[in-house]
């Protein structure tokens, strides 16, 4: 369940048109499914183990939250300084979830609905953490000024250094959340046990 984080901070995108400094934006959120087989909770979970999204060298996960983040930025020389006047994000979040390949028997279908609803809610928390990070990046970015940079070159390096800390903080929050949810007695463990055992 440890999610993969795909962070793409493109610093070179410059708008050709005037844009409000704090433009309203909405994350685009999608659900992508992978199919699993089986007619019982145990069979479905075993199929997840074989078909779930890969998470590096750690094996496979039940579900993951991926995102792509790009920016429209406008740098403006002001005297001998450079100011980041516009920083507008484009954020696409994709939740990858399992889906049975065929219709399930009644009691199993009910257990599956409880399971997948809980898993989806878990991944939505990761999505909220990502959106919160982007808002913090936006707040730090707009108006960011670097002195002695009339050609707006140094500002990109300094901005990247500042934003790296926000990215690391988001990843740590996600890891902490997963650790709690996946621990013995944690929410995800309980969902898995209920799916397999019907408890």
N, C-alpha and C. Protein backbone atom coordinates (compact mmCIF):
# COMPACT_ATOMS: atom_id res chain seq x y z
N UNK A 1 0.83 -1.20 0.00
CA UNK A 1 0.00 0.00 0.00
C UNK A 1 0.86 1.25 0.00
N UNK A 2 2.19 1.07 0.16
CA UNK A 2 3.03 2.24 0.13
C UNK A 2 2.97 2.85 -1.27
N UNK A 3 2.50 4.10 -1.37
CA UNK A 3 2.26 4.67 -2.68
C UNK A 3 3.53 5.13 -3.35
N UNK A 4 3.48 5.13 -4.66
CA UNK A 4 4.57 5.66 -5.45
C UNK A 4 4.32 7.15 -5.62
N UNK A 5 5.35 7.93 -5.51
CA UNK A 5 5.21 9.37 -5.67
C UNK A 5 5.99 9.81 -6.91
N UNK A 6 5.30 10.38 -7.86
CA UNK A 6 5.96 10.87 -9.06
C UNK A 6 5.92 12.39 -9.02
N UNK A 7 7.06 13.03 -8.75
CA UNK A 7 7.09 14.48 -8.63
C UNK A 7 7.80 15.08 -9.82
N UNK A 8 7.09 15.88 -10.58
CA UNK A 8 7.68 16.52 -11.75
C UNK A 8 7.51 18.02 -11.61
N UNK A 9 8.53 18.70 -11.12
CA UNK A 9 8.47 20.15 -10.95
C UNK A 9 9.21 20.78 -12.12
N UNK A 10 8.47 21.21 -13.12
CA UNK A 10 9.09 21.80 -14.30
C UNK A 10 9.22 23.30 -14.09
N UNK A 11 10.47 23.74 -14.01
CA UNK A 11 10.72 25.13 -13.66
C UNK A 11 10.76 26.05 -14.88
N UNK A 12 10.80 25.48 -16.08
CA UNK A 12 11.03 26.32 -17.25
C UNK A 12 9.79 26.75 -18.00
N UNK A 13 8.60 26.42 -17.53
CA UNK A 13 7.38 26.76 -18.27
C UNK A 13 7.03 28.21 -18.01
N UNK A 14 7.02 29.01 -19.04
CA UNK A 14 6.72 30.43 -18.90
C UNK A 14 5.48 30.74 -19.73
N UNK A 15 4.54 31.41 -19.11
CA UNK A 15 3.31 31.76 -19.80
C UNK A 15 3.54 32.88 -20.80
N UNK A 16 2.85 32.80 -21.92
CA UNK A 16 2.90 33.86 -22.91
C UNK A 16 1.77 34.86 -22.73
N UNK A 17 0.86 34.55 -21.81
CA UNK A 17 -0.30 35.41 -21.60
C UNK A 17 -0.37 35.83 -20.14
N UNK A 18 -0.94 36.98 -19.85
CA UNK A 18 -1.08 37.41 -18.46
C UNK A 18 -1.96 36.43 -17.68
N UNK A 19 -1.52 36.08 -16.50
CA UNK A 19 -2.26 35.15 -15.65
C UNK A 19 -2.30 35.73 -14.24
N UNK A 20 -3.44 35.67 -13.57
CA UNK A 20 -3.47 36.15 -12.18
C UNK A 20 -2.45 35.41 -11.34
N UNK A 21 -1.83 36.12 -10.40
CA UNK A 21 -0.78 35.51 -9.58
C UNK A 21 -1.29 34.31 -8.81
N UNK A 22 -2.48 34.39 -8.25
CA UNK A 22 -3.06 33.28 -7.50
C UNK A 22 -4.30 32.78 -8.23
N UNK A 23 -4.12 32.15 -9.36
CA UNK A 23 -5.25 31.66 -10.15
C UNK A 23 -5.89 30.47 -9.44
N UNK A 24 -7.21 30.38 -9.52
CA UNK A 24 -7.90 29.22 -8.96
C UNK A 24 -7.53 28.00 -9.79
N UNK A 25 -7.34 26.87 -9.11
CA UNK A 25 -7.02 25.64 -9.82
C UNK A 25 -7.66 24.47 -9.09
N UNK A 26 -7.91 23.44 -9.83
CA UNK A 26 -8.47 22.22 -9.28
C UNK A 26 -7.62 21.05 -9.74
N UNK A 27 -7.33 20.14 -8.84
CA UNK A 27 -6.62 18.93 -9.25
C UNK A 27 -7.55 18.06 -10.09
N UNK A 28 -6.99 17.43 -11.10
CA UNK A 28 -7.72 16.43 -11.88
C UNK A 28 -7.48 15.09 -11.21
N UNK A 29 -8.55 14.42 -10.80
CA UNK A 29 -8.41 13.14 -10.09
C UNK A 29 -9.06 12.03 -10.91
N UNK A 30 -8.27 10.99 -11.19
CA UNK A 30 -8.73 9.86 -11.98
C UNK A 30 -8.58 8.56 -11.20
N UNK A 31 -9.40 7.59 -11.56
CA UNK A 31 -9.26 6.25 -11.02
C UNK A 31 -8.89 5.31 -12.16
N UNK A 32 -7.83 4.58 -11.97
CA UNK A 32 -7.38 3.57 -12.94
C UNK A 32 -7.49 2.21 -12.26
N UNK A 33 -8.05 1.22 -12.94
CA UNK A 33 -8.24 -0.08 -12.31
C UNK A 33 -7.36 -1.14 -12.97
N UNK A 34 -7.03 -2.14 -12.18
CA UNK A 34 -6.42 -3.35 -12.72
C UNK A 34 -7.31 -4.52 -12.28
N UNK A 35 -7.44 -5.53 -13.10
CA UNK A 35 -8.39 -6.61 -12.82
C UNK A 35 -7.75 -7.71 -11.98
N UNK A 36 -8.58 -8.25 -11.12
CA UNK A 36 -8.17 -9.39 -10.29
C UNK A 36 -9.21 -10.49 -10.43
N UNK A 37 -8.77 -11.72 -10.27
CA UNK A 37 -9.67 -12.86 -10.41
C UNK A 37 -9.98 -13.50 -9.07
N UNK A 38 -10.99 -14.35 -9.09
CA UNK A 38 -11.36 -15.07 -7.88
C UNK A 38 -12.82 -14.92 -7.53
N UNK A 39 -13.32 -15.89 -6.77
CA UNK A 39 -14.73 -15.87 -6.35
C UNK A 39 -14.87 -15.77 -4.83
N UNK A 40 -13.75 -15.84 -4.12
CA UNK A 40 -13.78 -15.69 -2.67
C UNK A 40 -12.84 -14.55 -2.29
N UNK A 41 -12.99 -14.07 -1.06
CA UNK A 41 -12.12 -13.01 -0.60
C UNK A 41 -10.66 -13.41 -0.65
N UNK A 42 -10.36 -14.64 -0.24
CA UNK A 42 -8.98 -15.11 -0.24
C UNK A 42 -8.42 -15.18 -1.66
N UNK A 43 -9.22 -15.66 -2.60
CA UNK A 43 -8.77 -15.73 -3.99
C UNK A 43 -8.53 -14.34 -4.57
N UNK A 44 -9.41 -13.40 -4.26
CA UNK A 44 -9.26 -12.03 -4.75
C UNK A 44 -7.99 -11.40 -4.20
N UNK A 45 -7.74 -11.61 -2.92
CA UNK A 45 -6.55 -11.02 -2.31
C UNK A 45 -5.27 -11.65 -2.86
N UNK A 46 -5.32 -12.95 -3.11
CA UNK A 46 -4.17 -13.63 -3.73
C UNK A 46 -3.90 -13.06 -5.12
N UNK A 47 -4.96 -12.77 -5.85
CA UNK A 47 -4.81 -12.19 -7.18
C UNK A 47 -4.22 -10.78 -7.11
N UNK A 48 -4.62 -10.02 -6.10
CA UNK A 48 -4.03 -8.70 -5.88
C UNK A 48 -2.52 -8.83 -5.68
N UNK A 49 -2.12 -9.86 -4.91
CA UNK A 49 -0.71 -10.08 -4.66
C UNK A 49 0.09 -10.36 -5.91
N UNK A 50 -0.57 -10.93 -6.91
CA UNK A 50 0.12 -11.23 -8.17
C UNK A 50 0.00 -10.17 -9.23
N UNK A 51 -1.04 -9.32 -9.12
CA UNK A 51 -1.31 -8.35 -10.19
C UNK A 51 -1.26 -6.90 -9.75
N UNK A 52 -1.16 -6.65 -8.46
CA UNK A 52 -1.16 -5.27 -7.97
C UNK A 52 0.00 -4.45 -8.50
N UNK A 53 -0.10 -3.14 -8.41
CA UNK A 53 0.96 -2.28 -8.92
C UNK A 53 2.28 -2.50 -8.19
N UNK A 54 3.37 -2.54 -8.95
CA UNK A 54 4.69 -2.73 -8.35
C UNK A 54 5.14 -1.46 -7.65
N UNK A 55 5.83 -1.64 -6.52
CA UNK A 55 6.35 -0.50 -5.77
C UNK A 55 7.85 -0.68 -5.56
N UNK A 56 8.59 -0.51 -6.63
CA UNK A 56 10.04 -0.66 -6.57
C UNK A 56 10.43 -2.08 -6.25
N UNK A 57 11.37 -2.22 -5.31
CA UNK A 57 11.84 -3.55 -4.91
C UNK A 57 11.02 -4.13 -3.77
N UNK A 58 9.98 -3.41 -3.34
CA UNK A 58 9.21 -3.85 -2.18
C UNK A 58 8.04 -4.77 -2.55
N UNK A 59 7.96 -5.17 -3.80
CA UNK A 59 6.88 -6.07 -4.19
C UNK A 59 5.72 -5.32 -4.81
N UNK A 60 4.51 -5.78 -4.48
CA UNK A 60 3.30 -5.19 -5.05
C UNK A 60 2.41 -4.62 -3.96
N UNK A 61 1.62 -3.64 -4.34
CA UNK A 61 0.69 -3.01 -3.42
C UNK A 61 -0.74 -3.34 -3.81
N UNK A 62 -1.66 -3.15 -2.89
CA UNK A 62 -3.08 -3.28 -3.19
C UNK A 62 -3.51 -2.13 -4.09
N UNK A 63 -3.05 -0.93 -3.75
CA UNK A 63 -3.41 0.28 -4.48
C UNK A 63 -2.30 1.30 -4.33
N UNK A 64 -2.22 2.23 -5.26
CA UNK A 64 -1.25 3.32 -5.17
C UNK A 64 -1.88 4.62 -5.64
N UNK A 65 -1.27 5.71 -5.22
CA UNK A 65 -1.67 7.03 -5.69
C UNK A 65 -0.47 7.65 -6.38
N UNK A 66 -0.60 7.90 -7.67
CA UNK A 66 0.45 8.55 -8.45
C UNK A 66 0.01 9.97 -8.78
N UNK A 67 0.98 10.82 -9.03
CA UNK A 67 0.60 12.16 -9.49
C UNK A 67 1.63 12.73 -10.43
N UNK A 68 1.15 13.64 -11.26
CA UNK A 68 2.02 14.41 -12.15
C UNK A 68 1.75 15.88 -11.89
N UNK A 69 2.80 16.61 -11.62
CA UNK A 69 2.68 18.02 -11.29
C UNK A 69 3.57 18.84 -12.22
N UNK A 70 2.97 19.75 -12.95
CA UNK A 70 3.73 20.69 -13.77
C UNK A 70 3.27 22.10 -13.42
N UNK A 71 4.09 23.06 -13.80
CA UNK A 71 3.82 24.44 -13.42
C UNK A 71 3.91 25.37 -14.62
N UNK A 72 3.03 26.37 -14.64
CA UNK A 72 3.19 27.52 -15.50
C UNK A 72 3.76 28.63 -14.61
N UNK A 73 4.96 29.06 -14.94
CA UNK A 73 5.62 30.08 -14.12
C UNK A 73 6.01 31.27 -14.98
N UNK A 74 5.92 32.45 -14.37
CA UNK A 74 6.32 33.67 -15.05
C UNK A 74 7.29 34.44 -14.15
N UNK A 75 8.52 34.55 -14.63
CA UNK A 75 9.56 35.27 -13.90
C UNK A 75 9.67 36.68 -14.46
N UNK A 76 9.79 37.66 -13.58
CA UNK A 76 9.86 39.05 -14.02
C UNK A 76 11.07 39.74 -13.41
N UNK A 77 11.98 40.28 -14.23
CA UNK A 77 13.08 41.09 -13.69
C UNK A 77 12.51 42.38 -13.10
N UNK A 78 12.99 42.73 -11.92
CA UNK A 78 12.59 43.99 -11.29
C UNK A 78 13.85 44.65 -10.76
N UNK A 79 14.32 45.64 -11.50
CA UNK A 79 15.60 46.26 -11.16
C UNK A 79 16.71 45.23 -11.33
N UNK A 80 17.44 45.02 -10.24
CA UNK A 80 18.53 44.03 -10.28
C UNK A 80 18.09 42.68 -9.73
N UNK A 81 16.80 42.54 -9.43
CA UNK A 81 16.27 41.31 -8.84
C UNK A 81 15.39 40.57 -9.84
N UNK A 82 14.97 39.37 -9.44
CA UNK A 82 14.01 38.60 -10.23
C UNK A 82 12.89 38.15 -9.30
N UNK A 83 11.66 38.30 -9.78
CA UNK A 83 10.48 37.94 -8.99
C UNK A 83 9.69 36.88 -9.74
N UNK A 84 9.25 35.87 -9.01
CA UNK A 84 8.34 34.88 -9.59
C UNK A 84 6.93 35.43 -9.42
N UNK A 85 6.40 35.99 -10.50
CA UNK A 85 5.12 36.69 -10.43
C UNK A 85 3.93 35.75 -10.54
N UNK A 86 4.10 34.63 -11.27
CA UNK A 86 3.00 33.70 -11.49
C UNK A 86 3.51 32.28 -11.27
N UNK A 87 2.76 31.50 -10.54
CA UNK A 87 3.06 30.08 -10.37
C UNK A 87 1.73 29.35 -10.33
N UNK A 88 1.35 28.78 -11.45
CA UNK A 88 0.05 28.10 -11.53
C UNK A 88 0.27 26.60 -11.77
N UNK A 89 -0.23 25.76 -10.87
CA UNK A 89 0.01 24.33 -11.01
C UNK A 89 -1.00 23.63 -11.90
N UNK A 90 -0.55 22.55 -12.49
CA UNK A 90 -1.45 21.60 -13.14
C UNK A 90 -1.17 20.25 -12.48
N UNK A 91 -2.12 19.78 -11.72
CA UNK A 91 -1.93 18.57 -10.91
C UNK A 91 -2.91 17.49 -11.37
N UNK A 92 -2.36 16.34 -11.74
CA UNK A 92 -3.17 15.18 -12.11
C UNK A 92 -2.85 14.06 -11.14
N UNK A 93 -3.86 13.62 -10.40
CA UNK A 93 -3.71 12.53 -9.43
C UNK A 93 -4.41 11.30 -9.97
N UNK A 94 -3.74 10.17 -9.92
CA UNK A 94 -4.34 8.92 -10.39
C UNK A 94 -4.31 7.88 -9.28
N UNK A 95 -5.50 7.41 -8.92
CA UNK A 95 -5.63 6.35 -7.91
C UNK A 95 -5.74 5.02 -8.65
N UNK A 96 -4.83 4.11 -8.36
CA UNK A 96 -4.83 2.79 -9.02
C UNK A 96 -5.42 1.78 -8.03
N UNK A 97 -6.55 1.19 -8.42
CA UNK A 97 -7.31 0.31 -7.53
C UNK A 97 -7.64 -1.01 -8.22
N UNK A 98 -7.81 -2.08 -7.43
CA UNK A 98 -8.20 -3.37 -8.01
C UNK A 98 -9.69 -3.42 -8.31
N UNK A 99 -10.04 -4.25 -9.31
CA UNK A 99 -11.45 -4.47 -9.66
C UNK A 99 -11.63 -5.92 -10.08
N UNK A 100 -12.62 -6.59 -9.53
CA UNK A 100 -12.85 -7.99 -9.93
C UNK A 100 -13.13 -8.12 -11.42
N UNK A 101 -12.59 -9.16 -12.01
CA UNK A 101 -12.76 -9.38 -13.45
C UNK A 101 -14.18 -9.81 -13.79
N UNK A 102 -14.88 -10.41 -12.84
CA UNK A 102 -16.25 -10.86 -13.10
C UNK A 102 -17.13 -10.63 -11.89
N UNK A 103 -18.42 -10.80 -12.10
CA UNK A 103 -19.38 -10.56 -11.02
C UNK A 103 -19.15 -11.53 -9.88
N UNK A 104 -19.22 -11.01 -8.65
CA UNK A 104 -18.96 -11.83 -7.47
C UNK A 104 -20.27 -12.34 -6.87
N UNK A 105 -20.21 -13.50 -6.20
CA UNK A 105 -21.39 -13.98 -5.46
C UNK A 105 -21.81 -12.96 -4.39
N UNK A 106 -23.09 -12.92 -4.08
CA UNK A 106 -23.65 -11.91 -3.17
C UNK A 106 -22.86 -11.59 -1.93
N UNK A 107 -22.60 -12.58 -1.04
CA UNK A 107 -21.88 -12.28 0.20
C UNK A 107 -20.46 -11.77 -0.06
N UNK A 108 -19.79 -12.33 -1.07
CA UNK A 108 -18.44 -11.90 -1.39
C UNK A 108 -18.46 -10.48 -1.97
N UNK A 109 -19.46 -10.20 -2.78
CA UNK A 109 -19.60 -8.86 -3.36
C UNK A 109 -19.74 -7.82 -2.26
N UNK A 110 -20.49 -8.14 -1.22
CA UNK A 110 -20.68 -7.20 -0.12
C UNK A 110 -19.36 -6.97 0.62
N UNK A 111 -18.62 -8.06 0.86
CA UNK A 111 -17.31 -7.92 1.53
C UNK A 111 -16.36 -7.11 0.66
N UNK A 112 -16.40 -7.34 -0.66
CA UNK A 112 -15.53 -6.61 -1.55
C UNK A 112 -15.84 -5.12 -1.54
N UNK A 113 -17.11 -4.77 -1.53
CA UNK A 113 -17.50 -3.36 -1.51
C UNK A 113 -16.95 -2.66 -0.27
N UNK A 114 -17.03 -3.32 0.88
CA UNK A 114 -16.48 -2.75 2.11
C UNK A 114 -14.97 -2.57 1.99
N UNK A 115 -14.32 -3.59 1.44
CA UNK A 115 -12.87 -3.58 1.28
C UNK A 115 -12.43 -2.46 0.35
N UNK A 116 -12.99 -2.41 -0.85
CA UNK A 116 -12.52 -1.45 -1.85
C UNK A 116 -12.89 -0.02 -1.46
N UNK A 117 -14.01 0.15 -0.77
CA UNK A 117 -14.37 1.48 -0.29
C UNK A 117 -13.34 1.99 0.72
N UNK A 118 -12.92 1.11 1.62
CA UNK A 118 -11.91 1.48 2.61
C UNK A 118 -10.56 1.77 1.98
N UNK A 119 -10.18 0.96 1.00
CA UNK A 119 -8.91 1.17 0.30
C UNK A 119 -8.93 2.49 -0.46
N UNK A 120 -10.05 2.77 -1.12
CA UNK A 120 -10.16 4.03 -1.87
C UNK A 120 -10.06 5.23 -0.92
N UNK A 121 -10.72 5.15 0.22
CA UNK A 121 -10.64 6.25 1.20
C UNK A 121 -9.20 6.46 1.66
N UNK A 122 -8.48 5.36 1.83
CA UNK A 122 -7.07 5.44 2.21
C UNK A 122 -6.28 6.21 1.15
N UNK A 123 -6.49 5.87 -0.10
CA UNK A 123 -5.75 6.53 -1.17
C UNK A 123 -6.15 8.00 -1.31
N UNK A 124 -7.40 8.31 -1.02
CA UNK A 124 -7.83 9.71 -1.09
C UNK A 124 -7.09 10.58 -0.08
N UNK A 125 -6.71 10.00 1.06
CA UNK A 125 -5.90 10.74 2.03
C UNK A 125 -4.55 11.10 1.40
N UNK A 126 -3.96 10.14 0.68
CA UNK A 126 -2.71 10.45 -0.01
C UNK A 126 -2.94 11.58 -1.02
N UNK A 127 -4.06 11.55 -1.71
CA UNK A 127 -4.38 12.62 -2.64
C UNK A 127 -4.49 13.97 -1.95
N UNK A 128 -5.11 13.99 -0.76
CA UNK A 128 -5.23 15.24 -0.01
C UNK A 128 -3.86 15.76 0.42
N UNK A 129 -2.95 14.86 0.80
CA UNK A 129 -1.60 15.27 1.19
C UNK A 129 -0.87 15.89 0.00
N UNK A 130 -1.08 15.33 -1.18
CA UNK A 130 -0.46 15.87 -2.39
C UNK A 130 -1.02 17.26 -2.69
N UNK A 131 -2.33 17.41 -2.62
CA UNK A 131 -2.94 18.70 -2.91
C UNK A 131 -2.48 19.76 -1.90
N UNK A 132 -2.34 19.35 -0.65
CA UNK A 132 -1.86 20.27 0.38
C UNK A 132 -0.43 20.72 0.08
N UNK A 133 0.40 19.78 -0.37
CA UNK A 133 1.78 20.12 -0.74
C UNK A 133 1.80 21.14 -1.87
N UNK A 134 0.95 20.95 -2.87
CA UNK A 134 0.93 21.86 -4.02
C UNK A 134 0.50 23.26 -3.58
N UNK A 135 -0.46 23.34 -2.68
CA UNK A 135 -0.88 24.65 -2.16
C UNK A 135 0.25 25.34 -1.41
N UNK A 136 1.03 24.56 -0.66
CA UNK A 136 2.17 25.14 0.05
C UNK A 136 3.24 25.60 -0.92
N UNK A 137 3.47 24.83 -1.98
CA UNK A 137 4.44 25.23 -3.00
C UNK A 137 4.00 26.54 -3.65
N UNK A 138 2.71 26.62 -3.96
CA UNK A 138 2.18 27.83 -4.57
C UNK A 138 2.39 29.03 -3.66
N UNK A 139 2.11 28.85 -2.37
CA UNK A 139 2.25 29.96 -1.42
C UNK A 139 3.69 30.43 -1.30
N UNK A 140 4.63 29.49 -1.33
CA UNK A 140 6.05 29.83 -1.23
C UNK A 140 6.55 30.47 -2.53
N UNK A 141 5.98 30.04 -3.66
CA UNK A 141 6.49 30.44 -4.97
C UNK A 141 6.11 31.86 -5.37
N UNK A 142 4.82 32.18 -5.28
CA UNK A 142 4.34 33.46 -5.80
C UNK A 142 4.94 34.61 -4.99
N UNK A 143 5.65 35.48 -5.70
CA UNK A 143 6.30 36.60 -5.05
C UNK A 143 7.73 36.32 -4.61
N UNK A 144 8.17 35.09 -4.77
CA UNK A 144 9.53 34.72 -4.39
C UNK A 144 10.51 35.59 -5.18
N UNK A 145 11.45 36.21 -4.47
CA UNK A 145 12.36 37.17 -5.08
C UNK A 145 13.81 36.82 -4.77
N UNK A 146 14.65 36.95 -5.77
CA UNK A 146 16.09 36.73 -5.59
C UNK A 146 16.81 37.99 -6.05
N UNK A 147 17.64 38.53 -5.18
CA UNK A 147 18.40 39.74 -5.51
C UNK A 147 19.57 39.41 -6.43
N UNK A 148 20.07 40.41 -7.08
CA UNK A 148 21.23 40.28 -7.97
C UNK A 148 21.02 39.15 -8.98
N UNK A 149 19.84 39.17 -9.60
CA UNK A 149 19.50 38.13 -10.59
C UNK A 149 18.67 38.76 -11.72
N UNK A 150 19.21 39.77 -12.41
CA UNK A 150 18.42 40.48 -13.43
C UNK A 150 18.02 39.61 -14.62
N UNK A 151 18.75 38.51 -14.85
CA UNK A 151 18.42 37.63 -15.97
C UNK A 151 17.56 36.44 -15.53
N UNK A 152 17.13 36.44 -14.28
CA UNK A 152 16.24 35.40 -13.73
C UNK A 152 16.83 33.99 -13.95
N UNK A 153 18.07 33.82 -13.55
CA UNK A 153 18.71 32.52 -13.66
C UNK A 153 18.89 31.86 -12.30
N UNK A 154 19.37 32.63 -11.33
CA UNK A 154 19.62 32.07 -9.99
C UNK A 154 18.33 31.67 -9.30
N UNK A 155 17.25 32.36 -9.61
CA UNK A 155 15.99 32.14 -8.90
C UNK A 155 15.50 30.70 -9.04
N UNK A 156 15.76 30.08 -10.18
CA UNK A 156 15.27 28.72 -10.42
C UNK A 156 15.95 27.72 -9.49
N UNK A 157 17.26 27.89 -9.32
CA UNK A 157 18.01 27.00 -8.43
C UNK A 157 17.57 27.19 -6.99
N UNK A 158 17.43 28.44 -6.58
CA UNK A 158 17.04 28.71 -5.20
C UNK A 158 15.62 28.23 -4.92
N UNK A 159 14.74 28.39 -5.90
CA UNK A 159 13.36 27.92 -5.72
C UNK A 159 13.32 26.40 -5.59
N UNK A 160 14.08 25.71 -6.43
CA UNK A 160 14.11 24.25 -6.37
C UNK A 160 14.56 23.77 -4.98
N UNK A 161 15.55 24.43 -4.41
CA UNK A 161 16.03 24.05 -3.08
C UNK A 161 14.94 24.23 -2.03
N UNK A 162 14.20 25.32 -2.12
CA UNK A 162 13.13 25.56 -1.14
C UNK A 162 12.00 24.54 -1.28
N UNK A 163 11.66 24.23 -2.53
CA UNK A 163 10.53 23.34 -2.77
C UNK A 163 10.87 21.89 -2.44
N UNK A 164 12.14 21.55 -2.49
CA UNK A 164 12.54 20.18 -2.16
C UNK A 164 12.11 19.79 -0.75
N UNK A 165 12.18 20.73 0.18
CA UNK A 165 11.79 20.43 1.56
C UNK A 165 10.29 20.13 1.66
N UNK A 166 9.48 20.86 0.91
CA UNK A 166 8.04 20.60 0.92
C UNK A 166 7.73 19.23 0.33
N UNK A 167 8.45 18.85 -0.71
CA UNK A 167 8.26 17.54 -1.32
C UNK A 167 8.65 16.43 -0.35
N UNK A 168 9.79 16.61 0.32
CA UNK A 168 10.23 15.59 1.30
C UNK A 168 9.25 15.47 2.45
N UNK A 169 8.69 16.59 2.88
CA UNK A 169 7.72 16.56 3.97
C UNK A 169 6.47 15.78 3.58
N UNK A 170 5.98 15.99 2.33
CA UNK A 170 4.80 15.27 1.86
C UNK A 170 5.06 13.77 1.81
N UNK A 171 6.24 13.38 1.32
CA UNK A 171 6.57 11.95 1.24
C UNK A 171 6.63 11.33 2.62
N UNK A 172 7.19 12.08 3.59
CA UNK A 172 7.27 11.56 4.95
C UNK A 172 5.88 11.41 5.56
N UNK A 173 5.01 12.38 5.33
CA UNK A 173 3.64 12.28 5.84
C UNK A 173 2.95 11.05 5.26
N UNK A 174 3.15 10.79 3.97
CA UNK A 174 2.54 9.63 3.34
C UNK A 174 3.08 8.33 3.93
N UNK A 175 4.40 8.29 4.15
CA UNK A 175 4.99 7.09 4.75
C UNK A 175 4.45 6.86 6.16
N UNK A 176 4.34 7.93 6.94
CA UNK A 176 3.82 7.81 8.31
C UNK A 176 2.38 7.32 8.31
N UNK A 177 1.58 7.84 7.38
CA UNK A 177 0.19 7.43 7.28
C UNK A 177 0.09 5.95 6.91
N UNK A 178 0.88 5.52 5.93
CA UNK A 178 0.89 4.11 5.54
C UNK A 178 1.32 3.23 6.70
N UNK A 179 2.34 3.67 7.41
CA UNK A 179 2.85 2.86 8.53
C UNK A 179 1.74 2.60 9.55
N UNK A 180 0.98 3.63 9.85
CA UNK A 180 -0.11 3.48 10.83
C UNK A 180 -1.23 2.59 10.28
N UNK A 181 -1.60 2.80 9.02
CA UNK A 181 -2.70 2.05 8.41
C UNK A 181 -2.36 0.58 8.18
N UNK A 182 -1.08 0.30 7.91
CA UNK A 182 -0.67 -1.07 7.58
C UNK A 182 -0.15 -1.84 8.78
N UNK A 183 -0.07 -1.20 9.92
CA UNK A 183 0.45 -1.86 11.11
C UNK A 183 -0.52 -2.91 11.62
N UNK A 184 -0.05 -3.74 12.53
CA UNK A 184 -0.93 -4.74 13.15
C UNK A 184 -2.11 -4.03 13.81
N UNK A 185 -3.30 -4.41 13.42
CA UNK A 185 -4.50 -3.78 13.95
C UNK A 185 -4.89 -2.51 13.23
N UNK A 186 -4.08 -2.10 12.25
CA UNK A 186 -4.37 -0.88 11.50
C UNK A 186 -5.55 -1.06 10.56
N UNK A 187 -6.03 0.03 10.02
CA UNK A 187 -7.23 0.04 9.20
C UNK A 187 -7.12 -0.89 7.99
N UNK A 188 -6.01 -0.83 7.26
CA UNK A 188 -5.87 -1.65 6.06
C UNK A 188 -5.78 -3.13 6.42
N UNK A 189 -5.06 -3.43 7.48
CA UNK A 189 -4.99 -4.83 7.90
C UNK A 189 -6.38 -5.36 8.25
N UNK A 190 -7.18 -4.54 8.91
CA UNK A 190 -8.54 -4.96 9.25
C UNK A 190 -9.40 -5.17 8.01
N UNK A 191 -9.23 -4.31 7.02
CA UNK A 191 -9.97 -4.48 5.77
C UNK A 191 -9.59 -5.77 5.07
N UNK A 192 -8.30 -6.09 5.06
CA UNK A 192 -7.84 -7.32 4.42
C UNK A 192 -8.38 -8.54 5.15
N UNK A 193 -8.30 -8.52 6.47
CA UNK A 193 -8.80 -9.67 7.26
C UNK A 193 -10.30 -9.86 7.05
N UNK A 194 -11.03 -8.77 6.98
CA UNK A 194 -12.48 -8.88 6.77
C UNK A 194 -12.78 -9.45 5.40
N UNK A 195 -11.98 -9.09 4.40
CA UNK A 195 -12.19 -9.61 3.05
C UNK A 195 -11.89 -11.11 3.01
N UNK A 196 -10.81 -11.51 3.63
CA UNK A 196 -10.37 -12.90 3.55
C UNK A 196 -11.21 -13.81 4.46
N UNK A 197 -11.44 -13.33 5.68
CA UNK A 197 -12.09 -14.18 6.69
C UNK A 197 -13.55 -13.86 6.90
N UNK A 198 -13.98 -12.72 6.41
CA UNK A 198 -15.38 -12.35 6.64
C UNK A 198 -15.62 -11.90 8.07
N UNK A 199 -14.57 -11.47 8.77
CA UNK A 199 -14.73 -11.04 10.16
C UNK A 199 -15.26 -9.63 10.21
